[in-house]
Protein backbone atom coordinates (compact mmCIF):
# COMPACT_ATOMS: atom_id res chain seq x y z
CA MET A 1 -105.55 116.50 68.40
CA ALA A 2 -108.61 118.61 67.61
CA ASP A 3 -108.73 120.65 64.55
CA VAL A 4 -107.29 124.20 65.30
CA LYS A 5 -108.56 127.25 63.51
CA PRO A 6 -105.58 129.65 62.11
CA VAL A 7 -106.27 132.93 63.57
CA THR A 8 -105.44 136.05 61.30
CA ALA A 9 -105.36 139.56 61.81
CA SER A 10 -108.88 140.13 60.38
CA THR A 11 -110.64 137.80 62.92
CA PHE A 12 -108.17 138.78 65.75
CA ALA A 13 -108.55 142.25 65.25
CA PRO A 14 -111.39 142.93 62.54
CA LEU A 15 -112.08 146.00 60.72
CA ARG A 16 -115.69 146.16 59.74
CA GLY A 17 -118.78 148.09 59.09
CA ALA A 18 -118.90 152.09 59.83
CA LYS A 19 -115.00 152.05 60.62
CA ARG A 20 -114.17 150.31 57.61
CA TRP A 21 -115.97 152.39 55.50
CA GLU A 22 -114.61 155.89 57.41
CA PHE A 23 -111.05 154.01 56.61
CA LEU A 24 -111.69 153.61 53.08
CA GLU A 25 -113.28 157.47 52.67
CA ARG A 26 -110.01 158.79 54.53
CA ALA A 27 -107.47 156.73 52.86
CA LYS A 28 -105.77 158.22 49.58
CA THR A 29 -104.40 155.28 47.94
CA ILE A 30 -105.55 151.99 46.81
CA ARG A 31 -103.24 149.37 45.25
CA PHE A 32 -104.60 147.40 42.60
CA ALA A 33 -103.40 144.05 41.16
CA THR A 34 -104.96 142.80 38.06
CA ALA A 35 -104.40 140.25 35.51
CA ASN A 36 -103.05 141.28 31.73
CA GLU A 37 -104.43 139.08 28.66
CA ASP A 38 -101.30 137.42 28.79
CA GLY A 39 -101.89 136.34 32.49
CA SER A 40 -99.22 138.44 34.01
CA ILE A 41 -100.12 140.76 36.79
CA TYR A 42 -99.91 144.22 36.76
CA LEU A 43 -99.75 146.35 40.13
CA SER A 44 -99.83 149.78 40.86
CA PRO A 45 -101.40 152.18 43.34
CA LEU A 46 -104.47 154.53 41.85
CA TRP A 47 -106.67 157.68 43.76
CA LEU A 48 -109.84 156.37 45.02
CA VAL A 49 -113.44 158.30 46.50
CA VAL A 50 -116.15 156.32 48.05
CA HIS A 51 -119.52 158.03 47.72
CA GLU A 52 -122.74 156.60 49.58
CA ARG A 53 -120.41 153.48 50.38
CA ARG A 54 -119.66 152.99 47.20
CA ILE A 55 -115.97 152.89 45.91
CA PHE A 56 -114.93 154.61 42.55
CA ILE A 57 -111.36 155.27 40.83
CA PRO A 58 -110.64 157.60 38.54
CA VAL A 59 -108.99 155.88 35.58
CA ASP A 60 -107.55 157.51 32.22
CA ALA A 61 -108.51 155.77 28.92
CA ALA A 62 -104.86 154.19 28.28
CA SER A 63 -104.54 152.72 31.17
CA LYS A 64 -103.57 148.91 31.48
CA HIS A 65 -105.98 148.86 34.50
CA GLY A 66 -108.92 150.23 32.80
CA ALA A 67 -108.12 147.66 29.99
CA ASN A 68 -108.17 145.16 32.79
CA PHE A 69 -111.27 146.41 34.46
CA GLU A 70 -113.14 146.35 31.22
CA ALA A 71 -112.10 143.07 29.93
CA GLY A 72 -113.30 141.84 33.18
CA ARG A 73 -110.40 139.95 34.49
CA PRO A 74 -109.29 138.96 37.98
CA LEU A 75 -108.54 141.78 40.25
CA ALA A 76 -107.64 142.63 43.99
CA ALA A 77 -107.05 146.02 45.91
CA LEU A 78 -105.40 146.99 48.84
CA VAL A 79 -105.82 149.63 51.07
CA ASP A 80 -103.41 149.95 54.06
CA GLY A 81 -101.53 151.80 56.37
CA GLY A 82 -99.20 151.13 59.38
CA ASP A 83 -95.52 151.09 59.98
CA GLU A 84 -95.24 148.59 62.70
CA TYR A 85 -97.12 145.51 64.19
CA ALA A 86 -99.10 147.87 66.48
CA THR A 87 -100.31 150.43 63.88
CA VAL A 88 -100.70 147.94 60.86
CA HIS A 89 -104.51 148.29 59.51
CA GLY A 90 -106.37 147.72 56.21
CA VAL A 91 -108.71 146.38 53.94
CA ARG A 92 -108.52 143.82 50.93
CA ILE A 93 -111.37 143.69 48.36
CA HIS A 94 -112.28 141.39 45.55
CA GLY A 95 -114.57 142.09 43.22
CA THR A 96 -115.50 143.62 39.93
CA MET A 97 -115.39 146.88 38.15
CA GLU A 98 -118.05 148.57 36.26
CA VAL A 99 -117.73 151.70 34.24
CA THR A 100 -119.68 154.59 35.54
CA ASP A 101 -121.29 156.24 32.48
CA ASP A 102 -123.90 158.67 34.54
CA ASP A 103 -122.71 162.51 33.59
CA ALA A 104 -123.88 163.64 36.95
CA LEU A 105 -122.14 161.46 39.05
CA PHE A 106 -118.85 161.83 37.29
CA ASP A 107 -119.27 165.67 37.88
CA GLN A 108 -119.92 164.65 41.58
CA LEU A 109 -116.77 162.41 41.96
CA GLN A 110 -114.51 164.84 40.09
CA GLU A 111 -115.67 167.22 43.02
CA LEU A 112 -114.85 164.37 45.27
CA VAL A 113 -111.36 164.10 44.07
CA ARG A 114 -110.66 167.89 43.93
CA GLN A 115 -111.49 167.98 47.89
CA LYS A 116 -109.63 165.20 48.76
CA TYR A 117 -106.65 165.07 46.86
CA PHE A 118 -106.42 169.43 46.29
CA TYR A 119 -106.55 172.35 48.13
CA LYS A 120 -107.81 175.50 46.83
CA ASN A 121 -105.36 176.99 44.14
CA HIS A 122 -103.34 173.91 44.12
CA PRO A 123 -100.80 174.15 41.54
CA TYR A 124 -101.31 170.52 39.90
CA ALA A 125 -105.49 170.71 40.50
CA ASP A 126 -106.17 172.48 36.86
CA ALA A 127 -103.59 170.28 35.19
CA TYR A 128 -104.89 166.71 36.67
CA PHE A 129 -108.65 167.78 35.45
CA GLU A 130 -107.45 169.23 32.28
CA PHE A 131 -105.20 165.95 31.82
CA GLY A 132 -107.96 163.79 32.18
CA GLU A 133 -110.31 165.17 29.76
CA PHE A 134 -107.44 165.15 27.34
CA ALA A 135 -107.02 161.16 28.26
CA GLY A 136 -110.32 160.01 28.58
CA ARG A 137 -110.64 159.88 31.95
CA ARG A 138 -113.69 157.69 33.60
CA TYR A 139 -114.62 156.46 36.76
CA PHE A 140 -114.87 152.82 37.64
CA GLU A 141 -116.92 151.33 40.69
CA LEU A 142 -115.21 148.58 42.45
CA VAL A 143 -118.15 146.51 43.62
CA PRO A 144 -116.98 144.20 46.34
CA GLU A 145 -117.81 140.75 46.45
CA LYS A 146 -115.89 140.30 49.62
CA MET A 147 -113.80 142.74 51.86
CA ILE A 148 -111.49 141.61 54.65
CA GLY A 149 -110.22 144.37 57.13
CA TRP A 150 -107.84 144.67 59.97
CA ASP A 151 -106.76 146.91 62.52
CA MET A 152 -103.98 146.23 65.11
CA ARG A 153 -104.42 149.79 66.54
CA GLU A 154 -107.33 148.43 68.18
CA LEU A 155 -105.64 145.96 70.29
CA ALA A 156 -102.55 148.64 71.22
CA GLU A 157 -102.23 149.79 74.67
CA VAL A 158 -101.07 153.01 75.71
CA PRO A 159 -98.10 152.45 77.72
CA ALA A 160 -98.55 153.69 81.21
CA ASN A 161 -97.30 153.22 84.82
CA GLU A 162 -99.92 151.34 86.53
CA ALA A 163 -101.01 151.65 89.98
CA ARG A 164 -102.06 148.27 91.62
CA VAL A 165 -102.38 147.35 95.00
CA LEU A 166 -100.82 143.64 94.98
CA PRO A 167 -101.18 140.94 97.69
CA ASP A 168 -98.09 140.97 100.40
CA HIS A 169 -96.45 137.90 99.39
CA VAL A 170 -96.10 139.54 95.80
CA GLY A 171 -92.61 141.41 95.85
CA ASP A 172 -90.89 140.81 92.52
CA ARG A 173 -92.86 143.15 90.58
CA LEU A 174 -92.97 146.39 92.70
CA LEU A 175 -91.05 149.42 91.25
CA GLU A 176 -88.13 150.80 93.66
CA ASN A 177 -88.77 154.06 95.11
CA ALA A 178 -92.36 154.17 93.67
């Protein structure tokens, strides 16, 4: 028996290139799993912004993820969506984190967060940014070593009645009163 290569969603319905970056730019939540000092896993959702095809994560100083990022511990991230088989899509990311110390870039990223997560006069915007100053918020860049994406929506067909001319001997597939 010949070796059979397994087929996964990422090979059957890949999400790559510009489509993947557009998906990441619109996504509002990224789930991070990082290794704690004792080897246990810390998993939680975070916000993200994409700037020039680079992924940035706002992290407050007391964050467990921040400590794990700074320590260079292993991590995996997931951005996903969809509620049923035909709509499942996502990107799994393996990589490293680098702290961003550039003040001008920090200001740009703050503005991207404001635009993405808050509308004009949003009741929590000021509190979010003020708390960030108090809590020592910084941005970490997720530097991907590997990104694996899938989008089952590429395969989904819109349900519609079809009009086909079938050979005379095919009668079991005809709709009555069609």
